[in-house]
Amino acid sequence: MVAYDSKTFMAKVCQITKRGSVVGGRYSNRTRATQFNPCGTMRRYPNLQKKRIYVPELKKSIVLNISTRALRTIEKNGAYRTLKKAGII
């Protein structure tokens, strides 16, 4: 058994939007012909990227594991405002 500390093990969750994985149904072409779905369910993960974001107000960079939607939010509202609202700063 391997013990993980909080720095080495990271959940697949966006640090800004707090979005994680969701369970959804798989799709097959057989579903079109019948109501039987042989595929079952699968877990869908958010599109996470490891990004270094420079915050001019603090004059430093922060490395975050964030989703692409959060990147768009940072572009729209600014890094300082977005990170402050998420509780990272």
PDB file of N, CA and C in Angstrom:
ATOM      1  N   MET A   1       0.837  -1.183   0.000  1.00  0.00           N
ATOM      2  CA  MET A   1       0.000   0.000   0.000  1.00  0.00           C
ATOM      3  C   MET A   1       0.880   1.245   0.000  1.00  0.00           C
ATOM      4  N   VAL A   2       0.555   2.188  -0.867  1.00  0.00           N
ATOM      5  CA  VAL A   2       1.340   3.408  -0.988  1.00  0.00           C
ATOM      6  C   VAL A   2       0.588   4.546  -0.315  1.00  0.00           C
ATOM      7  N   ALA A   3       1.278   5.271   0.536  1.00  0.00           N
ATOM      8  CA  ALA A   3       0.660   6.421   1.200  1.00  0.00           C
ATOM      9  C   ALA A   3       0.941   7.673   0.380  1.00  0.00           C
ATOM     10  N   TYR A   4      -0.083   8.464   0.143  1.00  0.00           N
ATOM     11  CA  TYR A   4       0.050   9.695  -0.622  1.00  0.00           C
ATOM     12  C   TYR A   4      -0.127  10.884   0.326  1.00  0.00           C
ATOM     13  N   ASP A   5       0.710  11.881   0.169  1.00  0.00           N
ATOM     14  CA  ASP A   5       0.441  13.117   0.900  1.00  0.00           C
ATOM     15  C   ASP A   5      -0.297  14.063  -0.025  1.00  0.00           C
ATOM     16  N   SER A   6      -0.742  15.188   0.500  1.00  0.00           N
ATOM     17  CA  SER A   6      -1.607  16.086  -0.258  1.00  0.00           C
ATOM     18  C   SER A   6      -0.882  16.763  -1.414  1.00  0.00           C
ATOM     19  N   LYS A   7       0.457  16.766  -1.412  1.00  0.00           N
ATOM     20  CA  LYS A   7       1.190  17.433  -2.488  1.00  0.00           C
ATOM     21  C   LYS A   7       1.390  16.532  -3.697  1.00  0.00           C
ATOM     22  N   THR A   8       1.510  15.225  -3.486  1.00  0.00           N
ATOM     23  CA  THR A   8       1.769  14.340  -4.612  1.00  0.00           C
ATOM     24  C   THR A   8       0.490  13.827  -5.260  1.00  0.00           C
ATOM     25  N   PHE A   9      -0.569  13.659  -4.495  1.00  0.00           N
ATOM     26  CA  PHE A   9      -1.810  13.108  -5.038  1.00  0.00           C
ATOM     27  C   PHE A   9      -2.800  14.238  -5.271  1.00  0.00           C
ATOM     28  N   MET A  10      -3.303  14.351  -6.505  1.00  0.00           N
ATOM     29  CA  MET A  10      -4.205  15.438  -6.844  1.00  0.00           C
ATOM     30  C   MET A  10      -5.445  14.874  -7.498  1.00  0.00           C
ATOM     31  N   ALA A  11      -6.607  15.227  -6.994  1.00  0.00           N
ATOM     32  CA  ALA A  11      -7.857  14.770  -7.594  1.00  0.00           C
ATOM     33  C   ALA A  11      -8.079  15.497  -8.913  1.00  0.00           C
ATOM     34  N   LYS A  12      -8.856  14.888  -9.788  1.00  0.00           N
ATOM     35  CA  LYS A  12      -9.152  15.501 -11.088  1.00  0.00           C
ATOM     36  C   LYS A  12     -10.291  16.487 -10.924  1.00  0.00           C
ATOM     37  N   VAL A  13     -10.009  17.584 -10.230  1.00  0.00           N
ATOM     38  CA  VAL A  13     -10.989  18.626  -9.948  1.00  0.00           C
ATOM     39  C   VAL A  13     -10.350  19.965 -10.266  1.00  0.00           C
ATOM     40  N   CYS A  14     -11.105  20.833 -10.927  1.00  0.00           N
ATOM     41  CA  CYS A  14     -10.626  22.180 -11.231  1.00  0.00           C
ATOM     42  C   CYS A  14     -10.514  22.980  -9.941  1.00  0.00           C
ATOM     43  N   GLN A  15      -9.406  23.693  -9.765  1.00  0.00           N
ATOM     44  CA  GLN A  15      -9.183  24.447  -8.543  1.00  0.00           C
ATOM     45  C   GLN A  15      -9.991  25.730  -8.494  1.00  0.00           C
ATOM     46  N   ILE A  16     -10.474  26.206  -9.628  1.00  0.00           N
ATOM     47  CA  ILE A  16     -11.245  27.457  -9.661  1.00  0.00           C
ATOM     48  C   ILE A  16     -12.743  27.167  -9.666  1.00  0.00           C
ATOM     49  N   THR A  17     -13.209  26.360 -10.617  1.00  0.00           N
ATOM     50  CA  THR A  17     -14.646  26.110 -10.737  1.00  0.00           C
ATOM     51  C   THR A  17     -15.119  24.954  -9.871  1.00  0.00           C
ATOM     52  N   LYS A  18     -14.197  24.168  -9.317  1.00  0.00           N
ATOM     53  CA  LYS A  18     -14.497  23.013  -8.464  1.00  0.00           C
ATOM     54  C   LYS A  18     -15.279  21.943  -9.216  1.00  0.00           C
ATOM     55  N   ARG A  19     -15.110  21.884 -10.520  1.00  0.00           N
ATOM     56  CA  ARG A  19     -15.793  20.873 -11.314  1.00  0.00           C
ATOM     57  C   ARG A  19     -14.976  19.600 -11.329  1.00  0.00           C
ATOM     58  N   GLY A  20     -15.662  18.484 -11.106  1.00  0.00           N
ATOM     59  CA  GLY A  20     -15.012  17.182 -11.105  1.00  0.00           C
ATOM     60  C   GLY A  20     -15.618  16.288 -12.163  1.00  0.00           C
ATOM     61  N   SER A  21     -15.465  15.005 -11.970  1.00  0.00           N
ATOM     62  CA  SER A  21     -15.969  14.054 -12.938  1.00  0.00           C
ATOM     63  C   SER A  21     -17.472  13.821 -12.729  1.00  0.00           C
ATOM     64  N   VAL A  22     -18.129  13.372 -13.785  1.00  0.00           N
ATOM     65  CA  VAL A  22     -19.542  13.011 -13.728  1.00  0.00           C
ATOM     66  C   VAL A  22     -19.705  11.631 -14.356  1.00  0.00           C
ATOM     67  N   VAL A  23     -20.729  10.915 -13.929  1.00  0.00           N
ATOM     68  CA  VAL A  23     -21.001   9.597 -14.484  1.00  0.00           C
ATOM     69  C   VAL A  23     -22.093   9.750 -15.527  1.00  0.00           C
ATOM     70  N   GLY A  24     -21.810   9.276 -16.730  1.00  0.00           N
ATOM     71  CA  GLY A  24     -22.772   9.366 -17.812  1.00  0.00           C
ATOM     72  C   GLY A  24     -22.846   8.052 -18.554  1.00  0.00           C
ATOM     73  N   GLY A  25     -23.823   7.930 -19.437  1.00  0.00           N
ATOM     74  CA  GLY A  25     -23.996   6.702 -20.189  1.00  0.00           C
ATOM     75  C   GLY A  25     -23.136   6.682 -21.432  1.00  0.00           C
ATOM     76  N   ARG A  26     -22.641   5.507 -21.767  1.00  0.00           N
ATOM     77  CA  ARG A  26     -21.930   5.339 -23.029  1.00  0.00           C
ATOM     78  C   ARG A  26     -22.955   5.229 -24.141  1.00  0.00           C
ATOM     79  N   TYR A  27     -22.515   5.381 -25.341  1.00  0.00           N
ATOM     80  CA  TYR A  27     -23.436   5.353 -26.472  1.00  0.00           C
ATOM     81  C   TYR A  27     -22.970   4.323 -27.481  1.00  0.00           C
ATOM     82  N   SER A  28     -23.909   3.580 -28.018  1.00  0.00           N
ATOM     83  CA  SER A  28     -23.565   2.640 -29.084  1.00  0.00           C
ATOM     84  C   SER A  28     -24.563   2.809 -30.219  1.00  0.00           C
ATOM     85  N   ASN A  29     -24.191   2.371 -31.393  1.00  0.00           N
ATOM     86  CA  ASN A  29     -25.092   2.459 -32.534  1.00  0.00           C
ATOM     87  C   ASN A  29     -26.283   1.525 -32.381  1.00  0.00           C
ATOM     88  N   ARG A  30     -26.151   0.506 -31.550  1.00  0.00           N
ATOM     89  CA  ARG A  30     -27.248  -0.425 -31.332  1.00  0.00           C
ATOM     90  C   ARG A  30     -28.416   0.252 -30.611  1.00  0.00           C
ATOM     91  N   THR A  31     -28.120   1.315 -29.877  1.00  0.00           N
ATOM     92  CA  THR A  31     -29.155   2.039 -29.148  1.00  0.00           C
ATOM     93  C   THR A  31     -30.199   2.608 -30.106  1.00  0.00           C
ATOM     94  N   ARG A  32     -29.783   2.944 -31.315  1.00  0.00           N
ATOM     95  CA  ARG A  32     -30.717   3.509 -32.290  1.00  0.00           C
ATOM     96  C   ARG A  32     -31.780   2.489 -32.695  1.00  0.00           C
ATOM     97  N   ALA A  33     -31.381   1.226 -32.789  1.00  0.00           N
ATOM     98  CA  ALA A  33     -32.310   0.196 -33.245  1.00  0.00           C
ATOM     99  C   ALA A  33     -33.171  -0.338 -32.111  1.00  0.00           C
ATOM    100  N   THR A  34     -32.625  -0.422 -30.906  1.00  0.00           N
ATOM    101  CA  THR A  34     -33.366  -0.990 -29.785  1.00  0.00           C
ATOM    102  C   THR A  34     -33.245  -0.083 -28.574  1.00  0.00           C
ATOM    103  N   GLN A  35     -34.005  -0.397 -27.557  1.00  0.00           N
ATOM    104  CA  GLN A  35     -33.914   0.348 -26.300  1.00  0.00           C
ATOM    105  C   GLN A  35     -32.870  -0.256 -25.376  1.00  0.00           C
ATOM    106  N   PHE A  36     -32.234  -1.340 -25.800  1.00  0.00           N
ATOM    107  CA  PHE A  36     -31.244  -2.006 -24.965  1.00  0.00           C
ATOM    108  C   PHE A  36     -29.897  -1.311 -25.126  1.00  0.00           C
ATOM    109  N   ASN A  37     -29.276  -0.953 -24.017  1.00  0.00           N
ATOM    110  CA  ASN A  37     -27.976  -0.289 -24.075  1.00  0.00           C
ATOM    111  C   ASN A  37     -26.935  -1.190 -23.412  1.00  0.00           C
ATOM    112  N   PRO A  38     -26.138  -1.908 -24.191  1.00  0.00           N
ATOM    113  CA  PRO A  38     -25.195  -2.852 -23.610  1.00  0.00           C
ATOM    114  C   PRO A  38     -23.924  -2.206 -23.056  1.00  0.00           C
ATOM    115  N   CYS A  39     -23.778  -0.938 -23.201  1.00  0.00           N
ATOM    116  CA  CYS A  39     -22.513  -0.308 -22.857  1.00  0.00           C
ATOM    117  C   CYS A  39     -22.360  -0.006 -21.370  1.00  0.00           C
ATOM    118  N   GLY A  40     -23.425   0.292 -20.667  1.00  0.00           N
ATOM    119  CA  GLY A  40     -23.296   0.635 -19.256  1.00  0.00           C
ATOM    120  C   GLY A  40     -22.961   2.108 -19.069  1.00  0.00           C
ATOM    121  N   THR A  41     -22.266   2.418 -17.997  1.00  0.00           N
ATOM    122  CA  THR A  41     -21.942   3.811 -17.708  1.00  0.00           C
ATOM    123  C   THR A  41     -20.441   4.022 -17.746  1.00  0.00           C
ATOM    124  N   MET A  42     -20.034   5.264 -17.876  1.00  0.00           N
ATOM    125  CA  MET A  42     -18.619   5.609 -17.848  1.00  0.00           C
ATOM    126  C   MET A  42     -18.456   6.947 -17.136  1.00  0.00           C
ATOM    127  N   ARG A  43     -17.262   7.202 -16.653  1.00  0.00           N
ATOM    128  CA  ARG A  43     -16.956   8.441 -15.946  1.00  0.00           C
ATOM    129  C   ARG A  43     -16.323   9.416 -16.922  1.00  0.00           C
ATOM    130  N   ARG A  44     -16.847  10.641 -16.947  1.00  0.00           N
ATOM    131  CA  ARG A  44     -16.318  11.688 -17.834  1.00  0.00           C
ATOM    132  C   ARG A  44     -15.606  12.721 -16.995  1.00  0.00           C
ATOM    133  N   TYR A  45     -14.386  13.035 -17.376  1.00  0.00           N
ATOM    134  CA  TYR A  45     -13.543  13.956 -16.625  1.00  0.00           C
ATOM    135  C   TYR A  45     -13.492  15.314 -17.301  1.00  0.00           C
ATOM    136  N   PRO A  46     -13.306  16.393 -16.518  1.00  0.00           N
ATOM    137  CA  PRO A  46     -13.172  17.727 -17.124  1.00  0.00           C
ATOM    138  C   PRO A  46     -11.832  17.858 -17.837  1.00  0.00           C
ATOM    139  N   ASN A  47     -11.766  18.791 -18.750  1.00  0.00           N
ATOM    140  CA  ASN A  47     -10.553  19.033 -19.521  1.00  0.00           C
ATOM    141  C   ASN A  47      -9.602  19.891 -18.675  1.00  0.00           C
ATOM    142  N   LEU A  48      -8.756  19.237 -17.894  1.00  0.00           N
ATOM    143  CA  LEU A  48      -7.864  19.948 -16.980  1.00  0.00           C
ATOM    144  C   LEU A  48      -6.513  20.207 -17.625  1.00  0.00           C
ATOM    145  N   GLN A  49      -5.992  21.387 -17.378  1.00  0.00           N
ATOM    146  CA  GLN A  49      -4.686  21.792 -17.877  1.00  0.00           C
ATOM    147  C   GLN A  49      -3.859  22.340 -16.720  1.00  0.00           C
ATOM    148  N   LYS A  50      -2.570  22.055 -16.731  1.00  0.00           N
ATOM    149  CA  LYS A  50      -1.683  22.615 -15.723  1.00  0.00           C
ATOM    150  C   LYS A  50      -1.126  23.916 -16.305  1.00  0.00           C
ATOM    151  N   LYS A  51      -1.463  25.041 -15.698  1.00  0.00           N
ATOM    152  CA  LYS A  51      -1.096  26.346 -16.239  1.00  0.00           C
ATOM    153  C   LYS A  51      -0.390  27.193 -15.187  1.00  0.00           C
ATOM    154  N   ARG A  52       0.554  27.978 -15.649  1.00  0.00           N
ATOM    155  CA  ARG A  52       1.201  28.972 -14.808  1.00  0.00           C
ATOM    156  C   ARG A  52       0.562  30.315 -15.136  1.00  0.00           C
ATOM    157  N   ILE A  53      -0.077  30.920 -14.149  1.00  0.00           N
ATOM    158  CA  ILE A  53      -0.810  32.167 -14.353  1.00  0.00           C
ATOM    159  C   ILE A  53      -0.102  33.277 -13.601  1.00  0.00           C
ATOM    160  N   TYR A  54       0.219  34.342 -14.323  1.00  0.00           N
ATOM    161  CA  TYR A  54       0.878  35.495 -13.708  1.00  0.00           C
ATOM    162  C   TYR A  54      -0.180  36.465 -13.203  1.00  0.00           C
ATOM    163  N   VAL A  55      -0.043  36.867 -11.947  1.00  0.00           N
ATOM    164  CA  VAL A  55      -0.964  37.829 -11.339  1.00  0.00           C
ATOM    165  C   VAL A  55      -0.205  39.142 -11.167  1.00  0.00           C
ATOM    166  N   PRO A  56      -0.500  40.159 -11.999  1.00  0.00           N
ATOM    167  CA  PRO A  56       0.268  41.410 -11.935  1.00  0.00           C
ATOM    168  C   PRO A  56       0.106  42.156 -10.618  1.00  0.00           C
ATOM    169  N   GLU A  57      -1.049  42.042  -9.963  1.00  0.00           N
ATOM    170  CA  GLU A  57      -1.267  42.751  -8.695  1.00  0.00           C
ATOM    171  C   GLU A  57      -0.354  42.217  -7.594  1.00  0.00           C
ATOM    172  N   LEU A  58      -0.057  40.920  -7.643  1.00  0.00           N
ATOM    173  CA  LEU A  58       0.820  40.309  -6.635  1.00  0.00           C
ATOM    174  C   LEU A  58       2.262  40.210  -7.107  1.00  0.00           C
ATOM    175  N   LYS A  59       2.494  40.443  -8.406  1.00  0.00           N
ATOM    176  CA  LYS A  59       3.802  40.342  -9.045  1.00  0.00           C
ATOM    177  C   LYS A  59       4.420  38.970  -8.858  1.00  0.00           C
ATOM    178  N   LYS A  60       3.592  37.936  -9.036  1.00  0.00           N
ATOM    179  CA  LYS A  60       4.109  36.568  -8.981  1.00  0.00           C
ATOM    180  C   LYS A  60       3.231  35.636  -9.805  1.00  0.00           C
ATOM    181  N   SER A  61       3.764  34.450 -10.083  1.00  0.00           N
ATOM    182  CA  SER A  61       3.048  33.437 -10.854  1.00  0.00           C
ATOM    183  C   SER A  61       2.532  32.353  -9.925  1.00  0.00           C
ATOM    184  N   ILE A  62       1.414  31.755 -10.313  1.00  0.00           N
ATOM    185  CA  ILE A  62       0.829  30.663  -9.561  1.00  0.00           C
ATOM    186  C   ILE A  62       0.571  29.520 -10.537  1.00  0.00           C
ATOM    187  N   VAL A  63       0.990  28.312 -10.169  1.00  0.00           N
ATOM    188  CA  VAL A  63       0.745  27.133 -10.999  1.00  0.00           C
ATOM    189  C   VAL A  63      -0.540  26.474 -10.512  1.00  0.00           C
ATOM    190  N   LEU A  64      -1.492  26.305 -11.439  1.00  0.00           N
ATOM    191  CA  LEU A  64      -2.798  25.752 -11.090  1.00  0.00           C
ATOM    192  C   LEU A  64      -3.164  24.615 -12.026  1.00  0.00           C
ATOM    193  N   ASN A  65      -3.982  23.708 -11.541  1.00  0.00           N
ATOM    194  CA  ASN A  65      -4.560  22.640 -12.343  1.00  0.00           C
ATOM    195  C   ASN A  65      -6.017  23.026 -12.586  1.00  0.00           C
ATOM    196  N   ILE A  66      -6.299  23.654 -13.729  1.00  0.00           N
ATOM    197  CA  ILE A  66      -7.621  24.237 -13.961  1.00  0.00           C
ATOM    198  C   ILE A  66      -8.214  23.739 -15.274  1.00  0.00           C
ATOM    199  N   SER A  67      -9.529  23.868 -15.375  1.00  0.00           N
ATOM    200  CA  SER A  67     -10.231  23.458 -16.588  1.00  0.00           C
ATOM    201  C   SER A  67     -10.125  24.555 -17.642  1.00  0.00           C
ATOM    202  N   THR A  68     -10.435  24.197 -18.877  1.00  0.00           N
ATOM    203  CA  THR A  68     -10.377  25.170 -19.955  1.00  0.00           C
ATOM    204  C   THR A  68     -11.468  26.228 -19.801  1.00  0.00           C
ATOM    205  N   ARG A  69     -12.575  25.883 -19.170  1.00  0.00           N
ATOM    206  CA  ARG A  69     -13.621  26.872 -18.898  1.00  0.00           C
ATOM    207  C   ARG A  69     -13.110  27.917 -17.914  1.00  0.00           C
ATOM    208  N   ALA A  70     -12.324  27.486 -16.932  1.00  0.00           N
ATOM    209  CA  ALA A  70     -11.747  28.423 -15.975  1.00  0.00           C
ATOM    210  C   ALA A  70     -10.740  29.355 -16.657  1.00  0.00           C
ATOM    211  N   LEU A  71     -10.043  28.851 -17.663  1.00  0.00           N
ATOM    212  CA  LEU A  71      -9.130  29.705 -18.432  1.00  0.00           C
ATOM    213  C   LEU A  71      -9.894  30.820 -19.129  1.00  0.00           C
ATOM    214  N   ARG A  72     -11.054  30.489 -19.667  1.00  0.00           N
ATOM    215  CA  ARG A  72     -11.882  31.511 -20.313  1.00  0.00           C
ATOM    216  C   ARG A  72     -12.385  32.529 -19.298  1.00  0.00           C
ATOM    217  N   THR A  73     -12.699  32.062 -18.091  1.00  0.00           N
ATOM    218  CA  THR A  73     -13.147  32.970 -17.032  1.00  0.00           C
ATOM    219  C   THR A  73     -12.030  33.918 -16.635  1.00  0.00           C
ATOM    220  N   ILE A  74     -10.805  33.411 -16.581  1.00  0.00           N
ATOM    221  CA  ILE A  74      -9.661  34.265 -16.239  1.00  0.00           C
ATOM    222  C   ILE A  74      -9.439  35.314 -17.324  1.00  0.00           C
ATOM    223  N   GLU A  75      -9.579  34.915 -18.576  1.00  0.00           N
ATOM    224  CA  GLU A  75      -9.425  35.880 -19.666  1.00  0.00           C
ATOM    225  C   GLU A  75     -10.498  36.964 -19.607  1.00  0.00           C
ATOM    226  N   LYS A  76     -11.691  36.598 -19.201  1.00  0.00           N
ATOM    227  CA  LYS A  76     -12.796  37.551 -19.172  1.00  0.00           C
ATOM    228  C   LYS A  76     -12.710  38.482 -17.969  1.00  0.00           C
ATOM    229  N   ASN A  77     -12.523  37.929 -16.764  1.00  0.00           N
ATOM    230  CA  ASN A  77     -12.596  38.721 -15.537  1.00  0.00           C
ATOM    231  C   ASN A  77     -11.256  39.151 -14.977  1.00  0.00           C
ATOM    232  N   GLY A  78     -10.177  38.568 -15.456  1.00  0.00           N
ATOM    233  CA  GLY A  78      -8.854  38.884 -14.918  1.00  0.00           C
ATOM    234  C   GLY A  78      -8.421  37.845 -13.891  1.00  0.00           C
ATOM    235  N   ALA A  79      -7.099  37.673 -13.779  1.00  0.00           N
ATOM    236  CA  ALA A  79      -6.560  36.624 -12.913  1.00  0.00           C
ATOM    237  C   ALA A  79      -6.811  36.924 -11.442  1.00  0.00           C
ATOM    238  N   TYR A  80      -6.549  38.135 -11.005  1.00  0.00           N
ATOM    239  CA  TYR A  80      -6.659  38.462  -9.584  1.00  0.00           C
ATOM    240  C   TYR A  80      -8.091  38.307  -9.083  1.00  0.00           C
ATOM    241  N   ARG A  81      -9.023  38.827  -9.837  1.00  0.00           N
ATOM    242  CA  ARG A  81     -10.438  38.779  -9.431  1.00  0.00           C
ATOM    243  C   ARG A  81     -10.961  37.338  -9.388  1.00  0.00           C
ATOM    244  N   THR A  82     -10.599  36.541 -10.392  1.00  0.00           N
ATOM    245  CA  THR A  82     -11.060  35.159 -10.458  1.00  0.00           C
ATOM    246  C   THR A  82     -10.461  34.316  -9.334  1.00  0.00           C
ATOM    247  N   LEU A  83      -9.164  34.464  -9.094  1.00  0.00           N
ATOM    248  CA  LEU A  83      -8.494  33.668  -8.060  1.00  0.00           C
ATOM    249  C   LEU A  83      -8.951  34.078  -6.664  1.00  0.00           C
ATOM    250  N   LYS A  84      -9.255  35.362  -6.481  1.00  0.00           N
ATOM    251  CA  LYS A  84      -9.738  35.828  -5.190  1.00  0.00           C
ATOM    252  C   LYS A  84     -11.135  35.266  -4.903  1.00  0.00           C
ATOM    253  N   LYS A  85     -11.984  35.237  -5.929  1.00  0.00           N
ATOM    254  CA  LYS A  85     -13.338  34.705  -5.758  1.00  0.00           C
ATOM    255  C   LYS A  85     -13.307  33.194  -5.476  1.00  0.00           C
ATOM    256  N   ALA A  86     -12.327  32.493  -6.055  1.00  0.00           N
ATOM    257  CA  ALA A  86     -12.201  31.051  -5.827  1.00  0.00           C
ATOM    258  C   ALA A  86     -11.547  30.732  -4.485  1.00  0.00           C
ATOM    259  N   GLY A  87     -10.969  31.738  -3.835  1.00  0.00           N
ATOM    260  CA  GLY A  87     -10.347  31.524  -2.519  1.00  0.00           C
ATOM    261  C   GLY A  87      -8.926  31.025  -2.592  1.00  0.00           C
ATOM    262  N   ILE A  88      -8.286  31.166  -3.744  1.00  0.00           N
ATOM    263  CA  ILE A  88      -6.902  30.718  -3.894  1.00  0.00           C
ATOM    264  C   ILE A  88      -5.936  31.769  -3.387  1.00  0.00           C
ATOM    265  N   ILE A  89      -6.280  33.030  -3.564  1.00  0.00           N
ATOM    266  CA  ILE A  89      -5.434  34.135  -3.081  1.00  0.00           C
ATOM    267  C   ILE A  89      -5.968  34.602  -1.735  1.00  0.00           C
TER     268      ILE A  89
END
